[in-house]
Amino acid sequence: PHEMLETPVAKATFVKSSKIWKLY
């Protein structure tokens, strides 16, 4: 219990050229 594990939930990346967020 002293060791913490990371689990990814979501990622979003901003594409400056088109000014949009992409969701993963």
PDBML (XML) file of the C-alpha atoms, coordinates in Angstrom:
<?xml version="1.0" encoding="UTF-8" ?>
<PDBx:datablock datablockName="MODEL"
   xmlns:PDBx="http://pdbml.pdb.org/schema/pdbx-v50.xsd"
   xmlns:xsi="http://www.w3.org/2001/XMLSchema-instance"
   xsi:schemaLocation="http://pdbml.pdb.org/schema/pdbx-v50.xsd pdbx-v50.xsd">
   <PDBx:atom_siteCategory>
      <PDBx:atom_site id="1">
         <PDBx:B_iso_or_equiv>0.00</PDBx:B_iso_or_equiv>
         <PDBx:Cartn_x>0.000</PDBx:Cartn_x>
         <PDBx:Cartn_y>0.000</PDBx:Cartn_y>
         <PDBx:Cartn_z>0.000</PDBx:Cartn_z>
         <PDBx:auth_asym_id>A</PDBx:auth_asym_id>
         <PDBx:auth_atom_id>CA</PDBx:auth_atom_id>
         <PDBx:auth_comp_id>PRO</PDBx:auth_comp_id>
         <PDBx:auth_seq_id>1</PDBx:auth_seq_id>
         <PDBx:group_PDB>ATOM</PDBx:group_PDB>
         <PDBx:label_alt_id xsi:nil="true" />
         <PDBx:label_asym_id>A</PDBx:label_asym_id>
         <PDBx:label_atom_id>CA</PDBx:label_atom_id>
         <PDBx:label_comp_id>PRO</PDBx:label_comp_id>
         <PDBx:label_entity_id>1</PDBx:label_entity_id>
         <PDBx:label_seq_id>1</PDBx:label_seq_id>
         <PDBx:occupancy>1.00</PDBx:occupancy>
         <PDBx:pdbx_PDB_model_num>1</PDBx:pdbx_PDB_model_num>
         <PDBx:type_symbol>C</PDBx:type_symbol>
      </PDBx:atom_site>
      <PDBx:atom_site id="2">
         <PDBx:B_iso_or_equiv>0.00</PDBx:B_iso_or_equiv>
         <PDBx:Cartn_x>2.976</PDBx:Cartn_x>
         <PDBx:Cartn_y>2.385</PDBx:Cartn_y>
         <PDBx:Cartn_z>0.170</PDBx:Cartn_z>
         <PDBx:auth_asym_id>A</PDBx:auth_asym_id>
         <PDBx:auth_atom_id>CA</PDBx:auth_atom_id>
         <PDBx:auth_comp_id>HIS</PDBx:auth_comp_id>
         <PDBx:auth_seq_id>2</PDBx:auth_seq_id>
         <PDBx:group_PDB>ATOM</PDBx:group_PDB>
         <PDBx:label_alt_id xsi:nil="true" />
         <PDBx:label_asym_id>A</PDBx:label_asym_id>
         <PDBx:label_atom_id>CA</PDBx:label_atom_id>
         <PDBx:label_comp_id>HIS</PDBx:label_comp_id>
         <PDBx:label_entity_id>1</PDBx:label_entity_id>
         <PDBx:label_seq_id>2</PDBx:label_seq_id>
         <PDBx:occupancy>1.00</PDBx:occupancy>
         <PDBx:pdbx_PDB_model_num>1</PDBx:pdbx_PDB_model_num>
         <PDBx:type_symbol>C</PDBx:type_symbol>
      </PDBx:atom_site>
      <PDBx:atom_site id="3">
         <PDBx:B_iso_or_equiv>0.00</PDBx:B_iso_or_equiv>
         <PDBx:Cartn_x>3.473</PDBx:Cartn_x>
         <PDBx:Cartn_y>2.095</PDBx:Cartn_y>
         <PDBx:Cartn_z>-3.588</PDBx:Cartn_z>
         <PDBx:auth_asym_id>A</PDBx:auth_asym_id>
         <PDBx:auth_atom_id>CA</PDBx:auth_atom_id>
         <PDBx:auth_comp_id>GLU</PDBx:auth_comp_id>
         <PDBx:auth_seq_id>3</PDBx:auth_seq_id>
         <PDBx:group_PDB>ATOM</PDBx:group_PDB>
         <PDBx:label_alt_id xsi:nil="true" />
         <PDBx:label_asym_id>A</PDBx:label_asym_id>
         <PDBx:label_atom_id>CA</PDBx:label_atom_id>
         <PDBx:label_comp_id>GLU</PDBx:label_comp_id>
         <PDBx:label_entity_id>1</PDBx:label_entity_id>
         <PDBx:label_seq_id>3</PDBx:label_seq_id>
         <PDBx:occupancy>1.00</PDBx:occupancy>
         <PDBx:pdbx_PDB_model_num>1</PDBx:pdbx_PDB_model_num>
         <PDBx:type_symbol>C</PDBx:type_symbol>
      </PDBx:atom_site>
      <PDBx:atom_site id="4">
         <PDBx:B_iso_or_equiv>0.00</PDBx:B_iso_or_equiv>
         <PDBx:Cartn_x>1.045</PDBx:Cartn_x>
         <PDBx:Cartn_y>4.040</PDBx:Cartn_y>
         <PDBx:Cartn_z>-5.785</PDBx:Cartn_z>
         <PDBx:auth_asym_id>A</PDBx:auth_asym_id>
         <PDBx:auth_atom_id>CA</PDBx:auth_atom_id>
         <PDBx:auth_comp_id>MET</PDBx:auth_comp_id>
         <PDBx:auth_seq_id>4</PDBx:auth_seq_id>
         <PDBx:group_PDB>ATOM</PDBx:group_PDB>
         <PDBx:label_alt_id xsi:nil="true" />
         <PDBx:label_asym_id>A</PDBx:label_asym_id>
         <PDBx:label_atom_id>CA</PDBx:label_atom_id>
         <PDBx:label_comp_id>MET</PDBx:label_comp_id>
         <PDBx:label_entity_id>1</PDBx:label_entity_id>
         <PDBx:label_seq_id>4</PDBx:label_seq_id>
         <PDBx:occupancy>1.00</PDBx:occupancy>
         <PDBx:pdbx_PDB_model_num>1</PDBx:pdbx_PDB_model_num>
         <PDBx:type_symbol>C</PDBx:type_symbol>
      </PDBx:atom_site>
      <PDBx:atom_site id="5">
         <PDBx:B_iso_or_equiv>0.00</PDBx:B_iso_or_equiv>
         <PDBx:Cartn_x>0.151</PDBx:Cartn_x>
         <PDBx:Cartn_y>2.863</PDBx:Cartn_y>
         <PDBx:Cartn_z>-9.300</PDBx:Cartn_z>
         <PDBx:auth_asym_id>A</PDBx:auth_asym_id>
         <PDBx:auth_atom_id>CA</PDBx:auth_atom_id>
         <PDBx:auth_comp_id>LEU</PDBx:auth_comp_id>
         <PDBx:auth_seq_id>5</PDBx:auth_seq_id>
         <PDBx:group_PDB>ATOM</PDBx:group_PDB>
         <PDBx:label_alt_id xsi:nil="true" />
         <PDBx:label_asym_id>A</PDBx:label_asym_id>
         <PDBx:label_atom_id>CA</PDBx:label_atom_id>
         <PDBx:label_comp_id>LEU</PDBx:label_comp_id>
         <PDBx:label_entity_id>1</PDBx:label_entity_id>
         <PDBx:label_seq_id>5</PDBx:label_seq_id>
         <PDBx:occupancy>1.00</PDBx:occupancy>
         <PDBx:pdbx_PDB_model_num>1</PDBx:pdbx_PDB_model_num>
         <PDBx:type_symbol>C</PDBx:type_symbol>
      </PDBx:atom_site>
      <PDBx:atom_site id="6">
         <PDBx:B_iso_or_equiv>0.00</PDBx:B_iso_or_equiv>
         <PDBx:Cartn_x>-0.973</PDBx:Cartn_x>
         <PDBx:Cartn_y>5.209</PDBx:Cartn_y>
         <PDBx:Cartn_z>-12.082</PDBx:Cartn_z>
         <PDBx:auth_asym_id>A</PDBx:auth_asym_id>
         <PDBx:auth_atom_id>CA</PDBx:auth_atom_id>
         <PDBx:auth_comp_id>GLU</PDBx:auth_comp_id>
         <PDBx:auth_seq_id>6</PDBx:auth_seq_id>
         <PDBx:group_PDB>ATOM</PDBx:group_PDB>
         <PDBx:label_alt_id xsi:nil="true" />
         <PDBx:label_asym_id>A</PDBx:label_asym_id>
         <PDBx:label_atom_id>CA</PDBx:label_atom_id>
         <PDBx:label_comp_id>GLU</PDBx:label_comp_id>
         <PDBx:label_entity_id>1</PDBx:label_entity_id>
         <PDBx:label_seq_id>6</PDBx:label_seq_id>
         <PDBx:occupancy>1.00</PDBx:occupancy>
         <PDBx:pdbx_PDB_model_num>1</PDBx:pdbx_PDB_model_num>
         <PDBx:type_symbol>C</PDBx:type_symbol>
      </PDBx:atom_site>
      <PDBx:atom_site id="7">
         <PDBx:B_iso_or_equiv>0.00</PDBx:B_iso_or_equiv>
         <PDBx:Cartn_x>-3.813</PDBx:Cartn_x>
         <PDBx:Cartn_y>4.275</PDBx:Cartn_y>
         <PDBx:Cartn_z>-14.388</PDBx:Cartn_z>
         <PDBx:auth_asym_id>A</PDBx:auth_asym_id>
         <PDBx:auth_atom_id>CA</PDBx:auth_atom_id>
         <PDBx:auth_comp_id>THR</PDBx:auth_comp_id>
         <PDBx:auth_seq_id>7</PDBx:auth_seq_id>
         <PDBx:group_PDB>ATOM</PDBx:group_PDB>
         <PDBx:label_alt_id xsi:nil="true" />
         <PDBx:label_asym_id>A</PDBx:label_asym_id>
         <PDBx:label_atom_id>CA</PDBx:label_atom_id>
         <PDBx:label_comp_id>THR</PDBx:label_comp_id>
         <PDBx:label_entity_id>1</PDBx:label_entity_id>
         <PDBx:label_seq_id>7</PDBx:label_seq_id>
         <PDBx:occupancy>1.00</PDBx:occupancy>
         <PDBx:pdbx_PDB_model_num>1</PDBx:pdbx_PDB_model_num>
         <PDBx:type_symbol>C</PDBx:type_symbol>
      </PDBx:atom_site>
      <PDBx:atom_site id="8">
         <PDBx:B_iso_or_equiv>0.00</PDBx:B_iso_or_equiv>
         <PDBx:Cartn_x>-4.474</PDBx:Cartn_x>
         <PDBx:Cartn_y>6.581</PDBx:Cartn_y>
         <PDBx:Cartn_z>-17.351</PDBx:Cartn_z>
         <PDBx:auth_asym_id>A</PDBx:auth_asym_id>
         <PDBx:auth_atom_id>CA</PDBx:auth_atom_id>
         <PDBx:auth_comp_id>PRO</PDBx:auth_comp_id>
         <PDBx:auth_seq_id>8</PDBx:auth_seq_id>
         <PDBx:group_PDB>ATOM</PDBx:group_PDB>
         <PDBx:label_alt_id xsi:nil="true" />
         <PDBx:label_asym_id>A</PDBx:label_asym_id>
         <PDBx:label_atom_id>CA</PDBx:label_atom_id>
         <PDBx:label_comp_id>PRO</PDBx:label_comp_id>
         <PDBx:label_entity_id>1</PDBx:label_entity_id>
         <PDBx:label_seq_id>8</PDBx:label_seq_id>
         <PDBx:occupancy>1.00</PDBx:occupancy>
         <PDBx:pdbx_PDB_model_num>1</PDBx:pdbx_PDB_model_num>
         <PDBx:type_symbol>C</PDBx:type_symbol>
      </PDBx:atom_site>
      <PDBx:atom_site id="9">
         <PDBx:B_iso_or_equiv>0.00</PDBx:B_iso_or_equiv>
         <PDBx:Cartn_x>-8.053</PDBx:Cartn_x>
         <PDBx:Cartn_y>7.850</PDBx:Cartn_y>
         <PDBx:Cartn_z>-17.686</PDBx:Cartn_z>
         <PDBx:auth_asym_id>A</PDBx:auth_asym_id>
         <PDBx:auth_atom_id>CA</PDBx:auth_atom_id>
         <PDBx:auth_comp_id>VAL</PDBx:auth_comp_id>
         <PDBx:auth_seq_id>9</PDBx:auth_seq_id>
         <PDBx:group_PDB>ATOM</PDBx:group_PDB>
         <PDBx:label_alt_id xsi:nil="true" />
         <PDBx:label_asym_id>A</PDBx:label_asym_id>
         <PDBx:label_atom_id>CA</PDBx:label_atom_id>
         <PDBx:label_comp_id>VAL</PDBx:label_comp_id>
         <PDBx:label_entity_id>1</PDBx:label_entity_id>
         <PDBx:label_seq_id>9</PDBx:label_seq_id>
         <PDBx:occupancy>1.00</PDBx:occupancy>
         <PDBx:pdbx_PDB_model_num>1</PDBx:pdbx_PDB_model_num>
         <PDBx:type_symbol>C</PDBx:type_symbol>
      </PDBx:atom_site>
      <PDBx:atom_site id="10">
         <PDBx:B_iso_or_equiv>0.00</PDBx:B_iso_or_equiv>
         <PDBx:Cartn_x>-8.034</PDBx:Cartn_x>
         <PDBx:Cartn_y>10.325</PDBx:Cartn_y>
         <PDBx:Cartn_z>-20.584</PDBx:Cartn_z>
         <PDBx:auth_asym_id>A</PDBx:auth_asym_id>
         <PDBx:auth_atom_id>CA</PDBx:auth_atom_id>
         <PDBx:auth_comp_id>ALA</PDBx:auth_comp_id>
         <PDBx:auth_seq_id>10</PDBx:auth_seq_id>
         <PDBx:group_PDB>ATOM</PDBx:group_PDB>
         <PDBx:label_alt_id xsi:nil="true" />
         <PDBx:label_asym_id>A</PDBx:label_asym_id>
         <PDBx:label_atom_id>CA</PDBx:label_atom_id>
         <PDBx:label_comp_id>ALA</PDBx:label_comp_id>
         <PDBx:label_entity_id>1</PDBx:label_entity_id>
         <PDBx:label_seq_id>10</PDBx:label_seq_id>
         <PDBx:occupancy>1.00</PDBx:occupancy>
         <PDBx:pdbx_PDB_model_num>1</PDBx:pdbx_PDB_model_num>
         <PDBx:type_symbol>C</PDBx:type_symbol>
      </PDBx:atom_site>
      <PDBx:atom_site id="11">
         <PDBx:B_iso_or_equiv>0.00</PDBx:B_iso_or_equiv>
         <PDBx:Cartn_x>-5.728</PDBx:Cartn_x>
         <PDBx:Cartn_y>12.475</PDBx:Cartn_y>
         <PDBx:Cartn_z>-22.662</PDBx:Cartn_z>
         <PDBx:auth_asym_id>A</PDBx:auth_asym_id>
         <PDBx:auth_atom_id>CA</PDBx:auth_atom_id>
         <PDBx:auth_comp_id>LYS</PDBx:auth_comp_id>
         <PDBx:auth_seq_id>11</PDBx:auth_seq_id>
         <PDBx:group_PDB>ATOM</PDBx:group_PDB>
         <PDBx:label_alt_id xsi:nil="true" />
         <PDBx:label_asym_id>A</PDBx:label_asym_id>
         <PDBx:label_atom_id>CA</PDBx:label_atom_id>
         <PDBx:label_comp_id>LYS</PDBx:label_comp_id>
         <PDBx:label_entity_id>1</PDBx:label_entity_id>
         <PDBx:label_seq_id>11</PDBx:label_seq_id>
         <PDBx:occupancy>1.00</PDBx:occupancy>
         <PDBx:pdbx_PDB_model_num>1</PDBx:pdbx_PDB_model_num>
         <PDBx:type_symbol>C</PDBx:type_symbol>
      </PDBx:atom_site>
      <PDBx:atom_site id="12">
         <PDBx:B_iso_or_equiv>0.00</PDBx:B_iso_or_equiv>
         <PDBx:Cartn_x>-6.457</PDBx:Cartn_x>
         <PDBx:Cartn_y>15.544</PDBx:Cartn_y>
         <PDBx:Cartn_z>-24.765</PDBx:Cartn_z>
         <PDBx:auth_asym_id>A</PDBx:auth_asym_id>
         <PDBx:auth_atom_id>CA</PDBx:auth_atom_id>
         <PDBx:auth_comp_id>ALA</PDBx:auth_comp_id>
         <PDBx:auth_seq_id>12</PDBx:auth_seq_id>
         <PDBx:group_PDB>ATOM</PDBx:group_PDB>
         <PDBx:label_alt_id xsi:nil="true" />
         <PDBx:label_asym_id>A</PDBx:label_asym_id>
         <PDBx:label_atom_id>CA</PDBx:label_atom_id>
         <PDBx:label_comp_id>ALA</PDBx:label_comp_id>
         <PDBx:label_entity_id>1</PDBx:label_entity_id>
         <PDBx:label_seq_id>12</PDBx:label_seq_id>
         <PDBx:occupancy>1.00</PDBx:occupancy>
         <PDBx:pdbx_PDB_model_num>1</PDBx:pdbx_PDB_model_num>
         <PDBx:type_symbol>C</PDBx:type_symbol>
      </PDBx:atom_site>
      <PDBx:atom_site id="13">
         <PDBx:B_iso_or_equiv>0.00</PDBx:B_iso_or_equiv>
         <PDBx:Cartn_x>-4.003</PDBx:Cartn_x>
         <PDBx:Cartn_y>17.220</PDBx:Cartn_y>
         <PDBx:Cartn_z>-27.123</PDBx:Cartn_z>
         <PDBx:auth_asym_id>A</PDBx:auth_asym_id>
         <PDBx:auth_atom_id>CA</PDBx:auth_atom_id>
         <PDBx:auth_comp_id>THR</PDBx:auth_comp_id>
         <PDBx:auth_seq_id>13</PDBx:auth_seq_id>
         <PDBx:group_PDB>ATOM</PDBx:group_PDB>
         <PDBx:label_alt_id xsi:nil="true" />
         <PDBx:label_asym_id>A</PDBx:label_asym_id>
         <PDBx:label_atom_id>CA</PDBx:label_atom_id>
         <PDBx:label_comp_id>THR</PDBx:label_comp_id>
         <PDBx:label_entity_id>1</PDBx:label_entity_id>
         <PDBx:label_seq_id>13</PDBx:label_seq_id>
         <PDBx:occupancy>1.00</PDBx:occupancy>
         <PDBx:pdbx_PDB_model_num>1</PDBx:pdbx_PDB_model_num>
         <PDBx:type_symbol>C</PDBx:type_symbol>
      </PDBx:atom_site>
      <PDBx:atom_site id="14">
         <PDBx:B_iso_or_equiv>0.00</PDBx:B_iso_or_equiv>
         <PDBx:Cartn_x>-4.304</PDBx:Cartn_x>
         <PDBx:Cartn_y>20.742</PDBx:Cartn_y>
         <PDBx:Cartn_z>-28.476</PDBx:Cartn_z>
         <PDBx:auth_asym_id>A</PDBx:auth_asym_id>
         <PDBx:auth_atom_id>CA</PDBx:auth_atom_id>
         <PDBx:auth_comp_id>PHE</PDBx:auth_comp_id>
         <PDBx:auth_seq_id>14</PDBx:auth_seq_id>
         <PDBx:group_PDB>ATOM</PDBx:group_PDB>
         <PDBx:label_alt_id xsi:nil="true" />
         <PDBx:label_asym_id>A</PDBx:label_asym_id>
         <PDBx:label_atom_id>CA</PDBx:label_atom_id>
         <PDBx:label_comp_id>PHE</PDBx:label_comp_id>
         <PDBx:label_entity_id>1</PDBx:label_entity_id>
         <PDBx:label_seq_id>14</PDBx:label_seq_id>
         <PDBx:occupancy>1.00</PDBx:occupancy>
         <PDBx:pdbx_PDB_model_num>1</PDBx:pdbx_PDB_model_num>
         <PDBx:type_symbol>C</PDBx:type_symbol>
      </PDBx:atom_site>
      <PDBx:atom_site id="15">
         <PDBx:B_iso_or_equiv>0.00</PDBx:B_iso_or_equiv>
         <PDBx:Cartn_x>-3.511</PDBx:Cartn_x>
         <PDBx:Cartn_y>21.110</PDBx:Cartn_y>
         <PDBx:Cartn_z>-32.184</PDBx:Cartn_z>
         <PDBx:auth_asym_id>A</PDBx:auth_asym_id>
         <PDBx:auth_atom_id>CA</PDBx:auth_atom_id>
         <PDBx:auth_comp_id>VAL</PDBx:auth_comp_id>
         <PDBx:auth_seq_id>15</PDBx:auth_seq_id>
         <PDBx:group_PDB>ATOM</PDBx:group_PDB>
         <PDBx:label_alt_id xsi:nil="true" />
         <PDBx:label_asym_id>A</PDBx:label_asym_id>
         <PDBx:label_atom_id>CA</PDBx:label_atom_id>
         <PDBx:label_comp_id>VAL</PDBx:label_comp_id>
         <PDBx:label_entity_id>1</PDBx:label_entity_id>
         <PDBx:label_seq_id>15</PDBx:label_seq_id>
         <PDBx:occupancy>1.00</PDBx:occupancy>
         <PDBx:pdbx_PDB_model_num>1</PDBx:pdbx_PDB_model_num>
         <PDBx:type_symbol>C</PDBx:type_symbol>
      </PDBx:atom_site>
      <PDBx:atom_site id="16">
         <PDBx:B_iso_or_equiv>0.00</PDBx:B_iso_or_equiv>
         <PDBx:Cartn_x>-2.525</PDBx:Cartn_x>
         <PDBx:Cartn_y>24.757</PDBx:Cartn_y>
         <PDBx:Cartn_z>-32.566</PDBx:Cartn_z>
         <PDBx:auth_asym_id>A</PDBx:auth_asym_id>
         <PDBx:auth_atom_id>CA</PDBx:auth_atom_id>
         <PDBx:auth_comp_id>LYS</PDBx:auth_comp_id>
         <PDBx:auth_seq_id>16</PDBx:auth_seq_id>
         <PDBx:group_PDB>ATOM</PDBx:group_PDB>
         <PDBx:label_alt_id xsi:nil="true" />
         <PDBx:label_asym_id>A</PDBx:label_asym_id>
         <PDBx:label_atom_id>CA</PDBx:label_atom_id>
         <PDBx:label_comp_id>LYS</PDBx:label_comp_id>
         <PDBx:label_entity_id>1</PDBx:label_entity_id>
         <PDBx:label_seq_id>16</PDBx:label_seq_id>
         <PDBx:occupancy>1.00</PDBx:occupancy>
         <PDBx:pdbx_PDB_model_num>1</PDBx:pdbx_PDB_model_num>
         <PDBx:type_symbol>C</PDBx:type_symbol>
      </PDBx:atom_site>
      <PDBx:atom_site id="17">
         <PDBx:B_iso_or_equiv>0.00</PDBx:B_iso_or_equiv>
         <PDBx:Cartn_x>-2.662</PDBx:Cartn_x>
         <PDBx:Cartn_y>24.835</PDBx:Cartn_y>
         <PDBx:Cartn_z>-36.374</PDBx:Cartn_z>
         <PDBx:auth_asym_id>A</PDBx:auth_asym_id>
         <PDBx:auth_atom_id>CA</PDBx:auth_atom_id>
         <PDBx:auth_comp_id>SER</PDBx:auth_comp_id>
         <PDBx:auth_seq_id>17</PDBx:auth_seq_id>
         <PDBx:group_PDB>ATOM</PDBx:group_PDB>
         <PDBx:label_alt_id xsi:nil="true" />
         <PDBx:label_asym_id>A</PDBx:label_asym_id>
         <PDBx:label_atom_id>CA</PDBx:label_atom_id>
         <PDBx:label_comp_id>SER</PDBx:label_comp_id>
         <PDBx:label_entity_id>1</PDBx:label_entity_id>
         <PDBx:label_seq_id>17</PDBx:label_seq_id>
         <PDBx:occupancy>1.00</PDBx:occupancy>
         <PDBx:pdbx_PDB_model_num>1</PDBx:pdbx_PDB_model_num>
         <PDBx:type_symbol>C</PDBx:type_symbol>
      </PDBx:atom_site>
      <PDBx:atom_site id="18">
         <PDBx:B_iso_or_equiv>0.00</PDBx:B_iso_or_equiv>
         <PDBx:Cartn_x>-6.374</PDBx:Cartn_x>
         <PDBx:Cartn_y>23.956</PDBx:Cartn_y>
         <PDBx:Cartn_z>-36.399</PDBx:Cartn_z>
         <PDBx:auth_asym_id>A</PDBx:auth_asym_id>
         <PDBx:auth_atom_id>CA</PDBx:auth_atom_id>
         <PDBx:auth_comp_id>SER</PDBx:auth_comp_id>
         <PDBx:auth_seq_id>18</PDBx:auth_seq_id>
         <PDBx:group_PDB>ATOM</PDBx:group_PDB>
         <PDBx:label_alt_id xsi:nil="true" />
         <PDBx:label_asym_id>A</PDBx:label_asym_id>
         <PDBx:label_atom_id>CA</PDBx:label_atom_id>
         <PDBx:label_comp_id>SER</PDBx:label_comp_id>
         <PDBx:label_entity_id>1</PDBx:label_entity_id>
         <PDBx:label_seq_id>18</PDBx:label_seq_id>
         <PDBx:occupancy>1.00</PDBx:occupancy>
         <PDBx:pdbx_PDB_model_num>1</PDBx:pdbx_PDB_model_num>
         <PDBx:type_symbol>C</PDBx:type_symbol>
      </PDBx:atom_site>
      <PDBx:atom_site id="19">
         <PDBx:B_iso_or_equiv>0.00</PDBx:B_iso_or_equiv>
         <PDBx:Cartn_x>-7.169</PDBx:Cartn_x>
         <PDBx:Cartn_y>25.219</PDBx:Cartn_y>
         <PDBx:Cartn_z>-32.868</PDBx:Cartn_z>
         <PDBx:auth_asym_id>A</PDBx:auth_asym_id>
         <PDBx:auth_atom_id>CA</PDBx:auth_atom_id>
         <PDBx:auth_comp_id>LYS</PDBx:auth_comp_id>
         <PDBx:auth_seq_id>19</PDBx:auth_seq_id>
         <PDBx:group_PDB>ATOM</PDBx:group_PDB>
         <PDBx:label_alt_id xsi:nil="true" />
         <PDBx:label_asym_id>A</PDBx:label_asym_id>
         <PDBx:label_atom_id>CA</PDBx:label_atom_id>
         <PDBx:label_comp_id>LYS</PDBx:label_comp_id>
         <PDBx:label_entity_id>1</PDBx:label_entity_id>
         <PDBx:label_seq_id>19</PDBx:label_seq_id>
         <PDBx:occupancy>1.00</PDBx:occupancy>
         <PDBx:pdbx_PDB_model_num>1</PDBx:pdbx_PDB_model_num>
         <PDBx:type_symbol>C</PDBx:type_symbol>
      </PDBx:atom_site>
      <PDBx:atom_site id="20">
         <PDBx:B_iso_or_equiv>0.00</PDBx:B_iso_or_equiv>
         <PDBx:Cartn_x>-8.866</PDBx:Cartn_x>
         <PDBx:Cartn_y>21.992</PDBx:Cartn_y>
         <PDBx:Cartn_z>-31.830</PDBx:Cartn_z>
         <PDBx:auth_asym_id>A</PDBx:auth_asym_id>
         <PDBx:auth_atom_id>CA</PDBx:auth_atom_id>
         <PDBx:auth_comp_id>ILE</PDBx:auth_comp_id>
         <PDBx:auth_seq_id>20</PDBx:auth_seq_id>
         <PDBx:group_PDB>ATOM</PDBx:group_PDB>
         <PDBx:label_alt_id xsi:nil="true" />
         <PDBx:label_asym_id>A</PDBx:label_asym_id>
         <PDBx:label_atom_id>CA</PDBx:label_atom_id>
         <PDBx:label_comp_id>ILE</PDBx:label_comp_id>
         <PDBx:label_entity_id>1</PDBx:label_entity_id>
         <PDBx:label_seq_id>20</PDBx:label_seq_id>
         <PDBx:occupancy>1.00</PDBx:occupancy>
         <PDBx:pdbx_PDB_model_num>1</PDBx:pdbx_PDB_model_num>
         <PDBx:type_symbol>C</PDBx:type_symbol>
      </PDBx:atom_site>
      <PDBx:atom_site id="21">
         <PDBx:B_iso_or_equiv>0.00</PDBx:B_iso_or_equiv>
         <PDBx:Cartn_x>-8.578</PDBx:Cartn_x>
         <PDBx:Cartn_y>19.546</PDBx:Cartn_y>
         <PDBx:Cartn_z>-28.944</PDBx:Cartn_z>
         <PDBx:auth_asym_id>A</PDBx:auth_asym_id>
         <PDBx:auth_atom_id>CA</PDBx:auth_atom_id>
         <PDBx:auth_comp_id>TRP</PDBx:auth_comp_id>
         <PDBx:auth_seq_id>21</PDBx:auth_seq_id>
         <PDBx:group_PDB>ATOM</PDBx:group_PDB>
         <PDBx:label_alt_id xsi:nil="true" />
         <PDBx:label_asym_id>A</PDBx:label_asym_id>
         <PDBx:label_atom_id>CA</PDBx:label_atom_id>
         <PDBx:label_comp_id>TRP</PDBx:label_comp_id>
         <PDBx:label_entity_id>1</PDBx:label_entity_id>
         <PDBx:label_seq_id>21</PDBx:label_seq_id>
         <PDBx:occupancy>1.00</PDBx:occupancy>
         <PDBx:pdbx_PDB_model_num>1</PDBx:pdbx_PDB_model_num>
         <PDBx:type_symbol>C</PDBx:type_symbol>
      </PDBx:atom_site>
      <PDBx:atom_site id="22">
         <PDBx:B_iso_or_equiv>0.00</PDBx:B_iso_or_equiv>
         <PDBx:Cartn_x>-8.268</PDBx:Cartn_x>
         <PDBx:Cartn_y>15.851</PDBx:Cartn_y>
         <PDBx:Cartn_z>-29.814</PDBx:Cartn_z>
         <PDBx:auth_asym_id>A</PDBx:auth_asym_id>
         <PDBx:auth_atom_id>CA</PDBx:auth_atom_id>
         <PDBx:auth_comp_id>LYS</PDBx:auth_comp_id>
         <PDBx:auth_seq_id>22</PDBx:auth_seq_id>
         <PDBx:group_PDB>ATOM</PDBx:group_PDB>
         <PDBx:label_alt_id xsi:nil="true" />
         <PDBx:label_asym_id>A</PDBx:label_asym_id>
         <PDBx:label_atom_id>CA</PDBx:label_atom_id>
         <PDBx:label_comp_id>LYS</PDBx:label_comp_id>
         <PDBx:label_entity_id>1</PDBx:label_entity_id>
         <PDBx:label_seq_id>22</PDBx:label_seq_id>
         <PDBx:occupancy>1.00</PDBx:occupancy>
         <PDBx:pdbx_PDB_model_num>1</PDBx:pdbx_PDB_model_num>
         <PDBx:type_symbol>C</PDBx:type_symbol>
      </PDBx:atom_site>
      <PDBx:atom_site id="23">
         <PDBx:B_iso_or_equiv>0.00</PDBx:B_iso_or_equiv>
         <PDBx:Cartn_x>-9.505</PDBx:Cartn_x>
         <PDBx:Cartn_y>13.355</PDBx:Cartn_y>
         <PDBx:Cartn_z>-27.234</PDBx:Cartn_z>
         <PDBx:auth_asym_id>A</PDBx:auth_asym_id>
         <PDBx:auth_atom_id>CA</PDBx:auth_atom_id>
         <PDBx:auth_comp_id>LEU</PDBx:auth_comp_id>
         <PDBx:auth_seq_id>23</PDBx:auth_seq_id>
         <PDBx:group_PDB>ATOM</PDBx:group_PDB>
         <PDBx:label_alt_id xsi:nil="true" />
         <PDBx:label_asym_id>A</PDBx:label_asym_id>
         <PDBx:label_atom_id>CA</PDBx:label_atom_id>
         <PDBx:label_comp_id>LEU</PDBx:label_comp_id>
         <PDBx:label_entity_id>1</PDBx:label_entity_id>
         <PDBx:label_seq_id>23</PDBx:label_seq_id>
         <PDBx:occupancy>1.00</PDBx:occupancy>
         <PDBx:pdbx_PDB_model_num>1</PDBx:pdbx_PDB_model_num>
         <PDBx:type_symbol>C</PDBx:type_symbol>
      </PDBx:atom_site>
      <PDBx:atom_site id="24">
         <PDBx:B_iso_or_equiv>0.00</PDBx:B_iso_or_equiv>
         <PDBx:Cartn_x>-7.875</PDBx:Cartn_x>
         <PDBx:Cartn_y>9.965</PDBx:Cartn_y>
         <PDBx:Cartn_z>-26.544</PDBx:Cartn_z>
         <PDBx:auth_asym_id>A</PDBx:auth_asym_id>
         <PDBx:auth_atom_id>CA</PDBx:auth_atom_id>
         <PDBx:auth_comp_id>TYR</PDBx:auth_comp_id>
         <PDBx:auth_seq_id>24</PDBx:auth_seq_id>
         <PDBx:group_PDB>ATOM</PDBx:group_PDB>
         <PDBx:label_alt_id xsi:nil="true" />
         <PDBx:label_asym_id>A</PDBx:label_asym_id>
         <PDBx:label_atom_id>CA</PDBx:label_atom_id>
         <PDBx:label_comp_id>TYR</PDBx:label_comp_id>
         <PDBx:label_entity_id>1</PDBx:label_entity_id>
         <PDBx:label_seq_id>24</PDBx:label_seq_id>
         <PDBx:occupancy>1.00</PDBx:occupancy>
         <PDBx:pdbx_PDB_model_num>1</PDBx:pdbx_PDB_model_num>
         <PDBx:type_symbol>C</PDBx:type_symbol>
      </PDBx:atom_site>
   </PDBx:atom_siteCategory>
</PDBx:datablock>
